[in-house]
Amino acid sequence: MKKKPESKKIQEDEEELSPEWKRELNRRLADLDNPVRYAVFSDIGGYGRWRLWLDVSSGNYGMSIEQATLFKREHVARAVAKACSDGRKNDLLIATITAKNGKRKVLKYGRPKG
């Protein structure tokens, strides 16, 4: 009669997560649920009368916020705005947006520097 080899459990399944790793996982999960995003726009004419929203995938601007590319991190949106506005007189601005239930709403418009 042959003996069946004993199944070995993976060591990872038996180990307890460290408190630091648990905190990091909880932070990442909370970050996923955060509806705040950032969009790049150009304030044509000044004073918010006419805004054009940057769509990075097409390289064009749209008239509606629904056409804007949303960024999870503000520093990434700022880097894209800086790269796209090099050599231009007017800098691109950043808007803080919430994206709940598929609808976009502007929380705060960026102000030009100066």
N, C-alpha and C. Protein backbone atom coordinates (compact mmCIF):
# COMPACT_ATOMS: atom_id res chain seq x y z
N MET A 1 0.81 -1.17 0.00
CA MET A 1 0.00 0.00 0.00
C MET A 1 0.88 1.26 0.00
N LYS A 2 0.58 2.19 -0.94
CA LYS A 2 1.36 3.42 -1.04
C LYS A 2 0.77 4.49 -0.15
N LYS A 3 1.64 5.25 0.45
CA LYS A 3 1.20 6.37 1.26
C LYS A 3 1.09 7.61 0.39
N LYS A 4 0.03 8.37 0.64
CA LYS A 4 -0.13 9.63 -0.07
C LYS A 4 0.79 10.66 0.57
N PRO A 5 1.42 11.46 -0.27
CA PRO A 5 2.26 12.52 0.32
C PRO A 5 1.40 13.52 1.07
N GLU A 6 1.90 13.93 2.20
CA GLU A 6 1.17 14.91 3.00
C GLU A 6 1.22 16.26 2.30
N SER A 7 0.08 16.92 2.26
CA SER A 7 0.04 18.24 1.62
C SER A 7 0.69 19.25 2.55
N LYS A 8 1.51 20.08 1.98
CA LYS A 8 2.18 21.11 2.75
C LYS A 8 1.44 22.42 2.56
N LYS A 9 1.14 23.07 3.65
CA LYS A 9 0.49 24.37 3.57
C LYS A 9 1.51 25.42 3.21
N ILE A 10 1.07 26.38 2.47
CA ILE A 10 1.95 27.49 2.12
C ILE A 10 2.22 28.30 3.37
N GLN A 11 3.46 28.63 3.57
CA GLN A 11 3.85 29.33 4.78
C GLN A 11 3.16 30.70 4.88
N GLU A 12 2.90 31.33 3.75
CA GLU A 12 2.27 32.65 3.75
C GLU A 12 0.87 32.61 4.37
N ASP A 13 0.16 31.53 4.20
CA ASP A 13 -1.19 31.42 4.73
C ASP A 13 -1.20 31.33 6.26
N GLU A 14 -0.12 30.89 6.82
CA GLU A 14 -0.07 30.69 8.26
C GLU A 14 0.43 31.92 9.01
N GLU A 15 1.14 32.80 8.32
CA GLU A 15 1.73 33.94 9.01
C GLU A 15 0.69 35.03 9.25
N GLU A 16 0.83 35.69 10.37
CA GLU A 16 -0.02 36.82 10.73
C GLU A 16 0.60 38.07 10.12
N LEU A 17 -0.26 38.95 9.61
CA LEU A 17 0.25 40.21 9.05
C LEU A 17 0.73 41.12 10.17
N SER A 18 1.80 41.82 9.90
CA SER A 18 2.33 42.74 10.90
C SER A 18 1.39 43.94 11.02
N PRO A 19 1.40 44.64 12.15
CA PRO A 19 0.54 45.82 12.32
C PRO A 19 0.83 46.91 11.28
N GLU A 20 2.11 47.06 10.90
CA GLU A 20 2.46 48.07 9.90
C GLU A 20 1.84 47.73 8.55
N TRP A 21 1.88 46.45 8.18
CA TRP A 21 1.32 46.03 6.90
C TRP A 21 -0.20 46.16 6.90
N LYS A 22 -0.83 45.87 8.02
CA LYS A 22 -2.28 46.04 8.13
C LYS A 22 -2.67 47.50 7.96
N ARG A 23 -1.91 48.41 8.59
CA ARG A 23 -2.17 49.85 8.44
C ARG A 23 -2.01 50.28 6.99
N GLU A 24 -0.98 49.76 6.33
CA GLU A 24 -0.75 50.11 4.92
C GLU A 24 -1.89 49.60 4.03
N LEU A 25 -2.35 48.41 4.28
CA LEU A 25 -3.48 47.87 3.51
C LEU A 25 -4.75 48.70 3.73
N ASN A 26 -5.01 49.07 4.97
CA ASN A 26 -6.18 49.90 5.27
C ASN A 26 -6.07 51.28 4.62
N ARG A 27 -4.87 51.86 4.59
CA ARG A 27 -4.65 53.15 3.95
C ARG A 27 -4.93 53.05 2.44
N ARG A 28 -4.45 51.98 1.83
CA ARG A 28 -4.66 51.79 0.39
C ARG A 28 -6.13 51.57 0.06
N LEU A 29 -6.83 50.83 0.90
CA LEU A 29 -8.26 50.61 0.66
C LEU A 29 -9.05 51.92 0.80
N ALA A 30 -8.70 52.73 1.79
CA ALA A 30 -9.37 54.02 1.95
C ALA A 30 -9.07 54.93 0.77
N ASP A 31 -7.87 54.85 0.23
CA ASP A 31 -7.49 55.66 -0.92
C ASP A 31 -8.29 55.26 -2.16
N LEU A 32 -8.59 53.99 -2.31
CA LEU A 32 -9.40 53.54 -3.44
C LEU A 32 -10.82 54.09 -3.38
N ASP A 33 -11.35 54.23 -2.18
CA ASP A 33 -12.73 54.70 -2.00
C ASP A 33 -12.85 56.22 -2.07
N ASN A 34 -11.74 56.93 -2.08
CA ASN A 34 -11.76 58.39 -2.10
C ASN A 34 -12.22 58.89 -3.48
N PRO A 35 -13.33 59.64 -3.56
CA PRO A 35 -13.86 60.07 -4.86
C PRO A 35 -13.19 61.33 -5.41
N VAL A 36 -12.24 61.91 -4.70
CA VAL A 36 -11.61 63.16 -5.15
C VAL A 36 -10.60 62.87 -6.25
N ARG A 37 -10.72 63.64 -7.34
CA ARG A 37 -9.83 63.53 -8.48
C ARG A 37 -9.41 64.94 -8.90
N TYR A 38 -8.47 65.02 -9.83
CA TYR A 38 -7.97 66.30 -10.30
C TYR A 38 -8.02 66.33 -11.82
N ALA A 39 -8.37 67.48 -12.38
CA ALA A 39 -8.45 67.66 -13.83
C ALA A 39 -7.70 68.93 -14.21
N VAL A 40 -7.15 68.92 -15.42
CA VAL A 40 -6.40 70.05 -15.94
C VAL A 40 -7.32 70.85 -16.86
N PHE A 41 -7.32 72.18 -16.69
CA PHE A 41 -8.15 73.01 -17.54
C PHE A 41 -7.44 74.31 -17.88
N SER A 42 -7.94 74.95 -18.93
CA SER A 42 -7.44 76.25 -19.34
C SER A 42 -8.57 77.25 -19.20
N ASP A 43 -8.28 78.35 -18.55
CA ASP A 43 -9.29 79.40 -18.34
C ASP A 43 -9.14 80.44 -19.45
N ILE A 44 -9.86 80.24 -20.53
CA ILE A 44 -9.79 81.12 -21.68
C ILE A 44 -10.57 82.40 -21.36
N GLY A 45 -9.97 83.52 -21.58
CA GLY A 45 -10.64 84.80 -21.35
C GLY A 45 -10.61 85.26 -19.91
N GLY A 46 -10.22 84.42 -19.00
CA GLY A 46 -10.11 84.81 -17.59
C GLY A 46 -11.45 84.82 -16.87
N TYR A 47 -11.40 84.86 -15.59
CA TYR A 47 -12.56 84.97 -14.70
C TYR A 47 -13.54 83.81 -14.83
N GLY A 48 -13.10 82.68 -15.33
CA GLY A 48 -13.95 81.49 -15.40
C GLY A 48 -15.09 81.56 -16.38
N ARG A 49 -15.01 82.45 -17.33
CA ARG A 49 -16.10 82.58 -18.31
C ARG A 49 -16.12 81.42 -19.29
N TRP A 50 -14.93 80.93 -19.63
CA TRP A 50 -14.87 79.87 -20.63
C TRP A 50 -13.72 78.94 -20.27
N ARG A 51 -14.03 77.72 -19.91
CA ARG A 51 -13.01 76.75 -19.53
C ARG A 51 -12.94 75.63 -20.56
N LEU A 52 -11.73 75.25 -20.90
CA LEU A 52 -11.49 74.11 -21.77
C LEU A 52 -10.78 73.05 -20.95
N TRP A 53 -11.29 71.82 -20.98
CA TRP A 53 -10.78 70.73 -20.16
C TRP A 53 -9.88 69.83 -20.99
N LEU A 54 -8.72 69.49 -20.46
CA LEU A 54 -7.72 68.70 -21.17
C LEU A 54 -8.10 67.22 -21.18
N ASP A 55 -8.10 66.65 -22.38
CA ASP A 55 -8.27 65.20 -22.57
C ASP A 55 -6.92 64.67 -23.03
N VAL A 56 -6.20 64.04 -22.13
CA VAL A 56 -4.84 63.60 -22.41
C VAL A 56 -4.80 62.53 -23.50
N SER A 57 -5.77 61.63 -23.51
CA SER A 57 -5.73 60.51 -24.46
C SER A 57 -5.82 60.98 -25.91
N SER A 58 -6.58 62.03 -26.17
CA SER A 58 -6.68 62.55 -27.54
C SER A 58 -5.75 63.73 -27.79
N GLY A 59 -5.27 64.35 -26.71
CA GLY A 59 -4.40 65.51 -26.86
C GLY A 59 -5.17 66.78 -27.19
N ASN A 60 -6.48 66.75 -26.98
CA ASN A 60 -7.33 67.90 -27.29
C ASN A 60 -7.99 68.43 -26.03
N TYR A 61 -8.72 69.52 -26.22
CA TYR A 61 -9.49 70.12 -25.13
C TYR A 61 -10.98 69.93 -25.43
N GLY A 62 -11.76 69.77 -24.36
CA GLY A 62 -13.20 69.64 -24.50
C GLY A 62 -13.91 70.76 -23.76
N MET A 63 -15.13 71.01 -24.16
CA MET A 63 -15.92 72.08 -23.55
C MET A 63 -16.57 71.63 -22.24
N SER A 64 -16.70 70.33 -22.03
CA SER A 64 -17.40 69.79 -20.87
C SER A 64 -16.42 69.08 -19.94
N ILE A 65 -16.74 69.13 -18.66
CA ILE A 65 -15.90 68.42 -17.68
C ILE A 65 -15.95 66.91 -17.90
N GLU A 66 -16.99 66.44 -18.53
CA GLU A 66 -17.11 65.01 -18.83
C GLU A 66 -16.04 64.54 -19.81
N GLN A 67 -15.46 65.45 -20.55
CA GLN A 67 -14.42 65.12 -21.52
C GLN A 67 -13.02 65.17 -20.92
N ALA A 68 -12.89 65.63 -19.70
CA ALA A 68 -11.58 65.81 -19.06
C ALA A 68 -11.01 64.47 -18.59
N THR A 69 -9.70 64.39 -18.63
CA THR A 69 -8.99 63.26 -18.03
C THR A 69 -8.87 63.53 -16.54
N LEU A 70 -9.25 62.55 -15.73
CA LEU A 70 -9.16 62.69 -14.27
C LEU A 70 -7.90 62.01 -13.77
N PHE A 71 -7.25 62.66 -12.81
CA PHE A 71 -6.03 62.13 -12.20
C PHE A 71 -6.29 61.85 -10.73
N LYS A 72 -5.76 60.74 -10.26
CA LYS A 72 -5.93 60.35 -8.85
C LYS A 72 -5.05 61.21 -7.94
N ARG A 73 -3.89 61.57 -8.40
CA ARG A 73 -2.93 62.33 -7.60
C ARG A 73 -2.76 63.74 -8.14
N GLU A 74 -2.74 64.71 -7.24
CA GLU A 74 -2.61 66.11 -7.64
C GLU A 74 -1.24 66.39 -8.27
N HIS A 75 -0.19 65.79 -7.73
CA HIS A 75 1.14 66.06 -8.27
C HIS A 75 1.28 65.56 -9.71
N VAL A 76 0.57 64.49 -10.07
CA VAL A 76 0.59 64.00 -11.44
C VAL A 76 -0.15 64.98 -12.36
N ALA A 77 -1.30 65.49 -11.91
CA ALA A 77 -2.04 66.48 -12.69
C ALA A 77 -1.21 67.74 -12.89
N ARG A 78 -0.49 68.17 -11.86
CA ARG A 78 0.36 69.35 -11.98
C ARG A 78 1.51 69.12 -12.97
N ALA A 79 2.08 67.93 -12.96
CA ALA A 79 3.17 67.61 -13.88
C ALA A 79 2.66 67.61 -15.33
N VAL A 80 1.48 67.06 -15.55
CA VAL A 80 0.89 67.06 -16.90
C VAL A 80 0.59 68.48 -17.34
N ALA A 81 0.03 69.30 -16.44
CA ALA A 81 -0.28 70.69 -16.77
C ALA A 81 0.99 71.46 -17.12
N LYS A 82 2.05 71.22 -16.38
CA LYS A 82 3.30 71.92 -16.65
C LYS A 82 3.88 71.48 -17.99
N ALA A 83 3.83 70.18 -18.27
CA ALA A 83 4.37 69.67 -19.53
C ALA A 83 3.57 70.18 -20.73
N CYS A 84 2.26 70.29 -20.58
CA CYS A 84 1.41 70.73 -21.69
C CYS A 84 1.42 72.25 -21.89
N SER A 85 1.85 73.00 -20.89
CA SER A 85 1.81 74.46 -21.02
C SER A 85 3.19 75.07 -21.25
N ASP A 86 4.21 74.25 -21.45
CA ASP A 86 5.55 74.79 -21.69
C ASP A 86 5.55 75.68 -22.94
N GLY A 87 6.12 76.85 -22.79
CA GLY A 87 6.25 77.77 -23.91
C GLY A 87 5.02 78.61 -24.18
N ARG A 88 3.98 78.45 -23.38
CA ARG A 88 2.77 79.24 -23.56
C ARG A 88 2.72 80.37 -22.56
N LYS A 89 1.99 81.38 -22.92
CA LYS A 89 1.86 82.54 -22.04
C LYS A 89 1.02 82.18 -20.80
N ASN A 90 -0.10 81.49 -21.01
CA ASN A 90 -1.00 81.14 -19.91
C ASN A 90 -0.76 79.71 -19.45
N ASP A 91 -0.59 79.55 -18.16
CA ASP A 91 -0.42 78.22 -17.60
C ASP A 91 -1.77 77.52 -17.49
N LEU A 92 -1.72 76.20 -17.53
CA LEU A 92 -2.93 75.41 -17.30
C LEU A 92 -3.16 75.33 -15.80
N LEU A 93 -4.40 75.19 -15.41
CA LEU A 93 -4.79 75.17 -14.00
C LEU A 93 -5.32 73.80 -13.63
N ILE A 94 -5.44 73.57 -12.32
CA ILE A 94 -5.93 72.29 -11.79
C ILE A 94 -7.24 72.53 -11.05
N ALA A 95 -8.23 71.68 -11.33
CA ALA A 95 -9.50 71.72 -10.62
C ALA A 95 -9.61 70.46 -9.77
N THR A 96 -10.11 70.61 -8.56
CA THR A 96 -10.39 69.47 -7.69
C THR A 96 -11.83 69.04 -7.95
N ILE A 97 -12.01 67.76 -8.22
CA ILE A 97 -13.30 67.23 -8.67
C ILE A 97 -13.69 66.03 -7.82
N THR A 98 -14.96 65.85 -7.63
CA THR A 98 -15.45 64.62 -7.04
C THR A 98 -16.17 63.84 -8.14
N ALA A 99 -16.00 62.56 -8.11
CA ALA A 99 -16.60 61.71 -9.14
C ALA A 99 -17.41 60.61 -8.47
N LYS A 100 -18.59 60.96 -8.01
CA LYS A 100 -19.46 59.99 -7.35
C LYS A 100 -20.57 59.58 -8.30
N ASN A 101 -20.89 58.30 -8.29
CA ASN A 101 -21.99 57.75 -9.07
C ASN A 101 -21.91 58.13 -10.54
N GLY A 102 -20.69 58.22 -11.08
CA GLY A 102 -20.51 58.52 -12.49
C GLY A 102 -20.73 59.97 -12.86
N LYS A 103 -21.01 60.83 -11.90
CA LYS A 103 -21.21 62.25 -12.17
C LYS A 103 -20.03 63.03 -11.62
N ARG A 104 -19.59 64.01 -12.39
CA ARG A 104 -18.45 64.83 -11.99
C ARG A 104 -18.92 66.19 -11.51
N LYS A 105 -18.36 66.63 -10.40
CA LYS A 105 -18.71 67.93 -9.84
C LYS A 105 -17.42 68.61 -9.37
N VAL A 106 -17.24 69.86 -9.77
CA VAL A 106 -16.04 70.60 -9.39
C VAL A 106 -16.18 71.09 -7.95
N LEU A 107 -15.19 70.76 -7.13
CA LEU A 107 -15.16 71.21 -5.75
C LEU A 107 -14.41 72.53 -5.62
N LYS A 108 -13.33 72.67 -6.41
CA LYS A 108 -12.51 73.87 -6.30
C LYS A 108 -11.76 74.09 -7.60
N TYR A 109 -11.81 75.30 -8.11
CA TYR A 109 -11.03 75.66 -9.29
C TYR A 109 -9.69 76.22 -8.83
N GLY A 110 -8.62 75.83 -9.54
CA GLY A 110 -7.31 76.37 -9.24
C GLY A 110 -7.23 77.82 -9.63
N ARG A 111 -6.40 78.56 -8.94
CA ARG A 111 -6.20 79.98 -9.23
C ARG A 111 -4.86 80.16 -9.94
N PRO A 112 -4.80 81.09 -10.88
CA PRO A 112 -3.53 81.34 -11.54
C PRO A 112 -2.52 81.92 -10.56
N LYS A 113 -1.26 81.59 -10.79
CA LYS A 113 -0.19 82.11 -9.92
C LYS A 113 0.12 83.53 -10.35
N GLY A 114 0.45 84.34 -9.34
CA GLY A 114 0.85 85.70 -9.71
C GLY A 114 0.04 86.65 -9.00
